[in-house]
Amino acid sequence: FLQPVWDRLRTWEAFAQSPFFPTVFSITVY
C-alpha cells in the first residue's frame, strides 16, 4: 500500500537528501 507512495517520493531523493529539504518542508507544511 505504501510502496508506490515511497517510490514516488524517492524520485525526489536528491532534494530530500539536501540540507535545504528539512527547512523547506517544515516551513511549507506549517
PDB file of all heavy atoms in Angstrom:
ATOM      1  N   PHE A   1       0.819  -1.206   0.000  1.00  0.00           N
ATOM      2  CA  PHE A   1       0.000   0.000   0.000  1.00  0.00           C
ATOM      3  C   PHE A   1       0.853   1.256   0.000  1.00  0.00           C
ATOM      4  O   PHE A   1       0.535   2.247  -0.667  1.00  0.00           O
ATOM      5  CB  PHE A   1      -0.917  -0.020   1.233  1.00  0.00           C
ATOM      6  CG  PHE A   1      -1.782   1.195   1.363  1.00  0.00           C
ATOM      7  CD1 PHE A   1      -2.919   1.352   0.582  1.00  0.00           C
ATOM      8  CD2 PHE A   1      -1.465   2.203   2.266  1.00  0.00           C
ATOM      9  CE1 PHE A   1      -3.719   2.482   0.696  1.00  0.00           C
ATOM     10  CE2 PHE A   1      -2.247   3.332   2.392  1.00  0.00           C
ATOM     11  CZ  PHE A   1      -3.379   3.464   1.601  1.00  0.00           C
ATOM     12  N   LEU A   2       1.970   1.243   0.739  1.00  0.00           N
ATOM     13  CA  LEU A   2       2.809   2.430   0.877  1.00  0.00           C
ATOM     14  C   LEU A   2       3.947   2.496  -0.145  1.00  0.00           C
ATOM     15  O   LEU A   2       4.523   3.563  -0.356  1.00  0.00           O
ATOM     16  CB  LEU A   2       3.412   2.488   2.284  1.00  0.00           C
ATOM     17  CG  LEU A   2       2.444   2.746   3.432  1.00  0.00           C
ATOM     18  CD1 LEU A   2       3.173   2.690   4.764  1.00  0.00           C
ATOM     19  CD2 LEU A   2       1.772   4.110   3.268  1.00  0.00           C
ATOM     20  N   GLN A   3       4.273   1.359  -0.779  1.00  0.00           N
ATOM     21  CA  GLN A   3       5.442   1.329  -1.663  1.00  0.00           C
ATOM     22  C   GLN A   3       5.329   2.304  -2.841  1.00  0.00           C
ATOM     23  O   GLN A   3       6.302   3.011  -3.138  1.00  0.00           O
ATOM     24  CB  GLN A   3       5.670  -0.096  -2.177  1.00  0.00           C
ATOM     25  CG  GLN A   3       7.032  -0.276  -2.862  1.00  0.00           C
ATOM     26  CD  GLN A   3       8.190  -0.058  -1.895  1.00  0.00           C
ATOM     27  OE1 GLN A   3       8.216  -0.611  -0.796  1.00  0.00           O
ATOM     28  NE2 GLN A   3       9.166   0.761  -2.292  1.00  0.00           N
ATOM     29  N   PRO A   4       4.165   2.408  -3.517  1.00  0.00           N
ATOM     30  CA  PRO A   4       4.082   3.398  -4.610  1.00  0.00           C
ATOM     31  C   PRO A   4       4.295   4.832  -4.136  1.00  0.00           C
ATOM     32  O   PRO A   4       4.902   5.645  -4.839  1.00  0.00           O
ATOM     33  CB  PRO A   4       2.662   3.201  -5.159  1.00  0.00           C
ATOM     34  CG  PRO A   4       2.286   1.814  -4.756  1.00  0.00           C
ATOM     35  CD  PRO A   4       2.947   1.579  -3.445  1.00  0.00           C
ATOM     36  N   VAL A   5       3.785   5.130  -2.938  1.00  0.00           N
ATOM     37  CA  VAL A   5       3.981   6.481  -2.380  1.00  0.00           C
ATOM     38  C   VAL A   5       5.462   6.718  -2.128  1.00  0.00           C
ATOM     39  O   VAL A   5       6.009   7.784  -2.481  1.00  0.00           O
ATOM     40  CB  VAL A   5       3.187   6.640  -1.072  1.00  0.00           C
ATOM     41  CG1 VAL A   5       3.438   8.011  -0.448  1.00  0.00           C
ATOM     42  CG2 VAL A   5       1.699   6.417  -1.315  1.00  0.00           C
ATOM     43  N   TRP A   6       6.117   5.721  -1.533  1.00  0.00           N
ATOM     44  CA  TRP A   6       7.536   5.857  -1.205  1.00  0.00           C
ATOM     45  C   TRP A   6       8.389   5.921  -2.480  1.00  0.00           C
ATOM     46  O   TRP A   6       9.344   6.705  -2.555  1.00  0.00           O
ATOM     47  CB  TRP A   6       7.976   4.709  -0.316  1.00  0.00           C
ATOM     48  CG  TRP A   6       9.417   4.777   0.120  1.00  0.00           C
ATOM     49  CD1 TRP A   6      10.386   3.837  -0.073  1.00  0.00           C
ATOM     50  CD2 TRP A   6      10.057   5.851   0.820  1.00  0.00           C
ATOM     51  NE1 TRP A   6      11.586   4.247   0.458  1.00  0.00           N
ATOM     52  CE2 TRP A   6      11.398   5.489   1.021  1.00  0.00           C
ATOM     53  CE3 TRP A   6       9.614   7.081   1.295  1.00  0.00           C
ATOM     54  CZ2 TRP A   6      12.312   6.305   1.666  1.00  0.00           C
ATOM     55  CZ3 TRP A   6      10.522   7.914   1.948  1.00  0.00           C
ATOM     56  CH2 TRP A   6      11.851   7.522   2.131  1.00  0.00           C
ATOM     57  N   ASP A   7       8.030   5.112  -3.486  1.00  0.00           N
ATOM     58  CA  ASP A   7       8.774   5.142  -4.748  1.00  0.00           C
ATOM     59  C   ASP A   7       8.678   6.523  -5.396  1.00  0.00           C
ATOM     60  O   ASP A   7       9.660   7.024  -5.965  1.00  0.00           O
ATOM     61  CB  ASP A   7       8.233   4.081  -5.707  1.00  0.00           C
ATOM     62  CG  ASP A   7       8.611   2.662  -5.283  1.00  0.00           C
ATOM     63  OD1 ASP A   7       9.564   2.518  -4.499  1.00  0.00           O
ATOM     64  OD2 ASP A   7       7.930   1.713  -5.726  1.00  0.00           O
ATOM     65  N   ARG A   8       7.491   7.125  -5.298  1.00  0.00           N
ATOM     66  CA  ARG A   8       7.312   8.472  -5.872  1.00  0.00           C
ATOM     67  C   ARG A   8       8.151   9.505  -5.119  1.00  0.00           C
ATOM     68  O   ARG A   8       8.787  10.374  -5.733  1.00  0.00           O
ATOM     69  CB  ARG A   8       5.835   8.851  -5.826  1.00  0.00           C
ATOM     70  CG  ARG A   8       5.521  10.184  -6.483  1.00  0.00           C
ATOM     71  CD  ARG A   8       5.833  10.137  -7.971  1.00  0.00           C
ATOM     72  NE  ARG A   8       5.537  11.411  -8.617  1.00  0.00           N
ATOM     73  CZ  ARG A   8       4.369  11.703  -9.178  1.00  0.00           C
ATOM     74  NH1 ARG A   8       3.388  10.804  -9.179  1.00  0.00           N
ATOM     75  NH2 ARG A   8       4.169  12.867  -9.745  1.00  0.00           N
ATOM     76  N   LEU A   9       8.183   9.390  -3.806  1.00  0.00           N
ATOM     77  CA  LEU A   9       8.976  10.322  -3.012  1.00  0.00           C
ATOM     78  C   LEU A   9      10.469  10.147  -3.271  1.00  0.00           C
ATOM     79  O   LEU A   9      11.228  11.119  -3.247  1.00  0.00           O
ATOM     80  CB  LEU A   9       8.679  10.127  -1.522  1.00  0.00           C
ATOM     81  CG  LEU A   9       7.296  10.579  -1.045  1.00  0.00           C
ATOM     82  CD1 LEU A   9       7.068  10.173   0.408  1.00  0.00           C
ATOM     83  CD2 LEU A   9       7.148  12.093  -1.183  1.00  0.00           C
ATOM     84  N   ARG A  10      10.870   8.922  -3.535  1.00  0.00           N
ATOM     85  CA  ARG A  10      12.298   8.658  -3.771  1.00  0.00           C
ATOM     86  C   ARG A  10      12.790   9.249  -5.091  1.00  0.00           C
ATOM     87  O   ARG A  10      14.005   9.396  -5.285  1.00  0.00           O
ATOM     88  CB  ARG A  10      12.579   7.158  -3.724  1.00  0.00           C
ATOM     89  CG  ARG A  10      12.552   6.583  -2.315  1.00  0.00           C
ATOM     90  CD  ARG A  10      12.913   5.092  -2.290  1.00  0.00           C
ATOM     91  NE  ARG A  10      14.288   4.887  -2.683  1.00  0.00           N
ATOM     92  CZ  ARG A  10      14.681   4.233  -3.787  1.00  0.00           C
ATOM     93  NH1 ARG A  10      13.762   3.741  -4.619  1.00  0.00           N
ATOM     94  NH2 ARG A  10      15.950   4.074  -4.061  1.00  0.00           N
ATOM     95  N   THR A  11      11.883   9.588  -5.989  1.00  0.00           N
ATOM     96  CA  THR A  11      12.302  10.263  -7.222  1.00  0.00           C
ATOM     97  C   THR A  11      12.833  11.667  -6.924  1.00  0.00           C
ATOM     98  O   THR A  11      13.505  12.263  -7.762  1.00  0.00           O
ATOM     99  CB  THR A  11      11.139  10.357  -8.236  1.00  0.00           C
ATOM    100  OG1 THR A  11      10.087  11.154  -7.676  1.00  0.00           O
ATOM    101  CG2 THR A  11      10.599   8.977  -8.570  1.00  0.00           C
ATOM    102  N   TRP A  12      12.498  12.172  -5.727  1.00  0.00           N
ATOM    103  CA  TRP A  12      12.991  13.474  -5.263  1.00  0.00           C
ATOM    104  C   TRP A  12      14.153  13.293  -4.267  1.00  0.00           C
ATOM    105  O   TRP A  12      14.429  14.178  -3.473  1.00  0.00           O
ATOM    106  CB  TRP A  12      11.876  14.258  -4.579  1.00  0.00           C
ATOM    107  CG  TRP A  12      10.779  14.669  -5.510  1.00  0.00           C
ATOM    108  CD1 TRP A  12       9.760  13.889  -5.981  1.00  0.00           C
ATOM    109  CD2 TRP A  12      10.603  15.948  -6.106  1.00  0.00           C
ATOM    110  NE1 TRP A  12       8.943  14.601  -6.820  1.00  0.00           N
ATOM    111  CE2 TRP A  12       9.439  15.877  -6.919  1.00  0.00           C
ATOM    112  CE3 TRP A  12      11.293  17.164  -6.033  1.00  0.00           C
ATOM    113  CZ2 TRP A  12       8.975  16.958  -7.654  1.00  0.00           C
ATOM    114  CZ3 TRP A  12      10.820  18.240  -6.766  1.00  0.00           C
ATOM    115  CH2 TRP A  12       9.679  18.137  -7.562  1.00  0.00           C
ATOM    116  N   GLU A  13      14.824  12.148  -4.346  1.00  0.00           N
ATOM    117  CA  GLU A  13      15.835  11.820  -3.337  1.00  0.00           C
ATOM    118  C   GLU A  13      16.948  12.863  -3.254  1.00  0.00           C
ATOM    119  O   GLU A  13      17.422  13.190  -2.168  1.00  0.00           O
ATOM    120  CB  GLU A  13      16.433  10.438  -3.619  1.00  0.00           C
ATOM    121  CG  GLU A  13      17.456   9.996  -2.568  1.00  0.00           C
ATOM    122  CD  GLU A  13      17.844   8.533  -2.706  1.00  0.00           C
ATOM    123  OE1 GLU A  13      17.397   7.873  -3.669  1.00  0.00           O
ATOM    124  OE2 GLU A  13      18.594   8.048  -1.845  1.00  0.00           O
ATOM    125  N   ALA A  14      17.363  13.383  -4.409  1.00  0.00           N
ATOM    126  CA  ALA A  14      18.455  14.364  -4.388  1.00  0.00           C
ATOM    127  C   ALA A  14      18.078  15.582  -3.554  1.00  0.00           C
ATOM    128  O   ALA A  14      18.886  16.090  -2.761  1.00  0.00           O
ATOM    129  CB  ALA A  14      18.797  14.785  -5.817  1.00  0.00           C
ATOM    130  N   PHE A  15      16.828  16.048  -3.717  1.00  0.00           N
ATOM    131  CA  PHE A  15      16.385  17.196  -2.925  1.00  0.00           C
ATOM    132  C   PHE A  15      16.137  16.795  -1.473  1.00  0.00           C
ATOM    133  O   PHE A  15      16.476  17.531  -0.542  1.00  0.00           O
ATOM    134  CB  PHE A  15      15.111  17.777  -3.526  1.00  0.00           C
ATOM    135  CG  PHE A  15      14.526  18.929  -2.739  1.00  0.00           C
ATOM    136  CD1 PHE A  15      15.290  20.056  -2.464  1.00  0.00           C
ATOM    137  CD2 PHE A  15      13.242  18.867  -2.260  1.00  0.00           C
ATOM    138  CE1 PHE A  15      14.770  21.115  -1.737  1.00  0.00           C
ATOM    139  CE2 PHE A  15      12.695  19.914  -1.525  1.00  0.00           C
ATOM    140  CZ  PHE A  15      13.465  21.045  -1.259  1.00  0.00           C
ATOM    141  N   ALA A  16      15.552  15.599  -1.273  1.00  0.00           N
ATOM    142  CA  ALA A  16      15.259  15.134   0.085  1.00  0.00           C
ATOM    143  C   ALA A  16      16.529  14.938   0.897  1.00  0.00           C
ATOM    144  O   ALA A  16      16.510  15.050   2.128  1.00  0.00           O
ATOM    145  CB  ALA A  16      14.458  13.830   0.033  1.00  0.00           C
ATOM    146  N   GLN A  17      17.628  14.628   0.228  1.00  0.00           N
ATOM    147  CA  GLN A  17      18.906  14.431   0.911  1.00  0.00           C
ATOM    148  C   GLN A  17      19.699  15.725   1.065  1.00  0.00           C
ATOM    149  O   GLN A  17      20.741  15.743   1.710  1.00  0.00           O
ATOM    150  CB  GLN A  17      19.758  13.413   0.136  1.00  0.00           C
ATOM    151  CG  GLN A  17      19.188  12.007   0.124  1.00  0.00           C
ATOM    152  CD  GLN A  17      19.305  11.338   1.482  1.00  0.00           C
ATOM    153  OE1 GLN A  17      18.452  11.516   2.354  1.00  0.00           O
ATOM    154  NE2 GLN A  17      20.355  10.572   1.689  1.00  0.00           N
ATOM    155  N   SER A  18      19.197  16.811   0.478  1.00  0.00           N
ATOM    156  CA  SER A  18      19.911  18.081   0.558  1.00  0.00           C
ATOM    157  C   SER A  18      19.684  18.725   1.925  1.00  0.00           C
ATOM    158  O   SER A  18      18.703  18.426   2.610  1.00  0.00           O
ATOM    159  CB  SER A  18      19.433  19.035  -0.534  1.00  0.00           C
ATOM    160  OG  SER A  18      18.187  19.613  -0.178  1.00  0.00           O
ATOM    161  N   PRO A  19      20.567  19.620   2.352  1.00  0.00           N
ATOM    162  CA  PRO A  19      20.403  20.276   3.651  1.00  0.00           C
ATOM    163  C   PRO A  19      19.247  21.264   3.681  1.00  0.00           C
ATOM    164  O   PRO A  19      18.848  21.726   4.739  1.00  0.00           O
ATOM    165  CB  PRO A  19      21.739  20.992   3.852  1.00  0.00           C
ATOM    166  CG  PRO A  19      22.250  21.237   2.469  1.00  0.00           C
ATOM    167  CD  PRO A  19      21.809  20.040   1.662  1.00  0.00           C
ATOM    168  N   PHE A  20      18.683  21.580   2.508  1.00  0.00           N
ATOM    169  CA  PHE A  20      17.599  22.561   2.451  1.00  0.00           C
ATOM    170  C   PHE A  20      16.220  21.920   2.648  1.00  0.00           C
ATOM    171  O   PHE A  20      15.264  22.612   2.980  1.00  0.00           O
ATOM    172  CB  PHE A  20      17.633  23.304   1.112  1.00  0.00           C
ATOM    173  CG  PHE A  20      18.950  23.954   0.825  1.00  0.00           C
ATOM    174  CD1 PHE A  20      19.831  23.384  -0.080  1.00  0.00           C
ATOM    175  CD2 PHE A  20      19.329  25.118   1.483  1.00  0.00           C
ATOM    176  CE1 PHE A  20      21.059  23.972  -0.335  1.00  0.00           C
ATOM    177  CE2 PHE A  20      20.549  25.720   1.228  1.00  0.00           C
ATOM    178  CZ  PHE A  20      21.423  25.142   0.317  1.00  0.00           C
ATOM    179  N   PHE A  21      16.119  20.611   2.432  1.00  0.00           N
ATOM    180  CA  PHE A  21      14.810  19.963   2.473  1.00  0.00           C
ATOM    181  C   PHE A  21      14.111  20.092   3.823  1.00  0.00           C
ATOM    182  O   PHE A  21      12.924  20.457   3.863  1.00  0.00           O
ATOM    183  CB  PHE A  21      14.935  18.485   2.100  1.00  0.00           C
ATOM    184  CG  PHE A  21      13.639  17.739   2.217  1.00  0.00           C
ATOM    185  CD1 PHE A  21      12.630  17.917   1.275  1.00  0.00           C
ATOM    186  CD2 PHE A  21      13.408  16.879   3.282  1.00  0.00           C
ATOM    187  CE1 PHE A  21      11.421  17.244   1.393  1.00  0.00           C
ATOM    188  CE2 PHE A  21      12.207  16.209   3.413  1.00  0.00           C
ATOM    189  CZ  PHE A  21      11.211  16.388   2.456  1.00  0.00           C
ATOM    190  N   PRO A  22      14.765  19.812   4.974  1.00  0.00           N
ATOM    191  CA  PRO A  22      14.048  19.920   6.254  1.00  0.00           C
ATOM    192  C   PRO A  22      13.475  21.308   6.501  1.00  0.00           C
ATOM    193  O   PRO A  22      12.354  21.441   7.012  1.00  0.00           O
ATOM    194  CB  PRO A  22      15.112  19.559   7.295  1.00  0.00           C
ATOM    195  CG  PRO A  22      16.084  18.716   6.555  1.00  0.00           C
ATOM    196  CD  PRO A  22      16.131  19.294   5.176  1.00  0.00           C
ATOM    197  N   THR A  23      14.232  22.341   6.131  1.00  0.00           N
ATOM    198  CA  THR A  23      13.761  23.713   6.341  1.00  0.00           C
ATOM    199  C   THR A  23      12.572  24.034   5.434  1.00  0.00           C
ATOM    200  O   THR A  23      11.549  24.562   5.890  1.00  0.00           O
ATOM    201  CB  THR A  23      14.899  24.717   6.080  1.00  0.00           C
ATOM    202  OG1 THR A  23      16.003  24.406   6.936  1.00  0.00           O
ATOM    203  CG2 THR A  23      14.438  26.135   6.356  1.00  0.00           C
ATOM    204  N   VAL A  24      12.693  23.707   4.155  1.00  0.00           N
ATOM    205  CA  VAL A  24      11.607  23.965   3.202  1.00  0.00           C
ATOM    206  C   VAL A  24      10.371  23.153   3.573  1.00  0.00           C
ATOM    207  O   VAL A  24       9.237  23.658   3.551  1.00  0.00           O
ATOM    208  CB  VAL A  24      12.067  23.640   1.767  1.00  0.00           C
ATOM    209  CG1 VAL A  24      10.899  23.749   0.794  1.00  0.00           C
ATOM    210  CG2 VAL A  24      13.209  24.556   1.347  1.00  0.00           C
ATOM    211  N   PHE A  25      10.570  21.901   3.918  1.00  0.00           N
ATOM    212  CA  PHE A  25       9.465  21.011   4.298  1.00  0.00           C
ATOM    213  C   PHE A  25       8.728  21.557   5.517  1.00  0.00           C
ATOM    214  O   PHE A  25       7.497  21.659   5.534  1.00  0.00           O
ATOM    215  CB  PHE A  25      10.018  19.614   4.587  1.00  0.00           C
ATOM    216  CG  PHE A  25       8.994  18.633   5.075  1.00  0.00           C
ATOM    217  CD1 PHE A  25       8.131  18.001   4.192  1.00  0.00           C
ATOM    218  CD2 PHE A  25       8.907  18.329   6.424  1.00  0.00           C
ATOM    219  CE1 PHE A  25       7.187  17.086   4.645  1.00  0.00           C
ATOM    220  CE2 PHE A  25       7.968  17.420   6.882  1.00  0.00           C
ATOM    221  CZ  PHE A  25       7.106  16.796   5.994  1.00  0.00           C
ATOM    222  N   SER A  26       9.488  21.930   6.547  1.00  0.00           N
ATOM    223  CA  SER A  26       8.887  22.411   7.787  1.00  0.00           C
ATOM    224  C   SER A  26       8.096  23.694   7.583  1.00  0.00           C
ATOM    225  O   SER A  26       6.948  23.819   8.028  1.00  0.00           O
ATOM    226  CB  SER A  26       9.978  22.624   8.843  1.00  0.00           C
ATOM    227  OG  SER A  26       9.438  23.140  10.034  1.00  0.00           O
ATOM    228  N   ILE A  27       8.700  24.670   6.879  1.00  0.00           N
ATOM    229  CA  ILE A  27       8.023  25.953   6.646  1.00  0.00           C
ATOM    230  C   ILE A  27       6.791  25.767   5.773  1.00  0.00           C
ATOM    231  O   ILE A  27       5.723  26.338   6.046  1.00  0.00           O
ATOM    232  CB  ILE A  27       8.989  26.964   6.002  1.00  0.00           C
ATOM    233  CG1 ILE A  27      10.062  27.392   7.004  1.00  0.00           C
ATOM    234  CG2 ILE A  27       8.237  28.189   5.517  1.00  0.00           C
ATOM    235  CD1 ILE A  27      11.085  28.356   6.445  1.00  0.00           C
ATOM    236  N   THR A  28       6.924  24.956   4.729  1.00  0.00           N
ATOM    237  CA  THR A  28       5.814  24.755   3.798  1.00  0.00           C
ATOM    238  C   THR A  28       4.624  24.096   4.484  1.00  0.00           C
ATOM    239  O   THR A  28       3.474  24.535   4.321  1.00  0.00           O
ATOM    240  CB  THR A  28       6.265  23.899   2.598  1.00  0.00           C
ATOM    241  OG1 THR A  28       7.367  24.535   1.941  1.00  0.00           O
ATOM    242  CG2 THR A  28       5.125  23.712   1.613  1.00  0.00           C
ATOM    243  N   VAL A  29       4.881  23.043   5.248  1.00  0.00           N
ATOM    244  CA  VAL A  29       3.801  22.338   5.943  1.00  0.00           C
ATOM    245  C   VAL A  29       3.156  23.257   6.982  1.00  0.00           C
ATOM    246  O   VAL A  29       1.926  23.353   7.075  1.00  0.00           O
ATOM    247  CB  VAL A  29       4.325  21.046   6.608  1.00  0.00           C
ATOM    248  CG1 VAL A  29       3.241  20.417   7.487  1.00  0.00           C
ATOM    249  CG2 VAL A  29       4.775  20.051   5.552  1.00  0.00           C
ATOM    250  N   TYR A  30       3.985  23.963   7.741  1.00  0.00           N
ATOM    251  CA  TYR A  30       3.469  24.840   8.795  1.00  0.00           C
ATOM    252  C   TYR A  30       2.601  25.959   8.222  1.00  0.00           C
ATOM    253  O   TYR A  30       1.454  26.154   8.652  1.00  0.00           O
ATOM    254  CB  TYR A  30       4.634  25.420   9.589  1.00  0.00           C
ATOM    255  CG  TYR A  30       4.224  26.433  10.627  1.00  0.00           C
ATOM    256  CD1 TYR A  30       3.450  26.061  11.724  1.00  0.00           C
ATOM    257  CD2 TYR A  30       4.600  27.769  10.513  1.00  0.00           C
ATOM    258  CE1 TYR A  30       3.068  26.987  12.679  1.00  0.00           C
ATOM    259  CE2 TYR A  30       4.231  28.705  11.458  1.00  0.00           C
ATOM    260  CZ  TYR A  30       3.466  28.305  12.545  1.00  0.00           C
ATOM    261  OH  TYR A  30       3.079  29.229  13.484  1.00  0.00           O
TER     262      TYR A  30
END
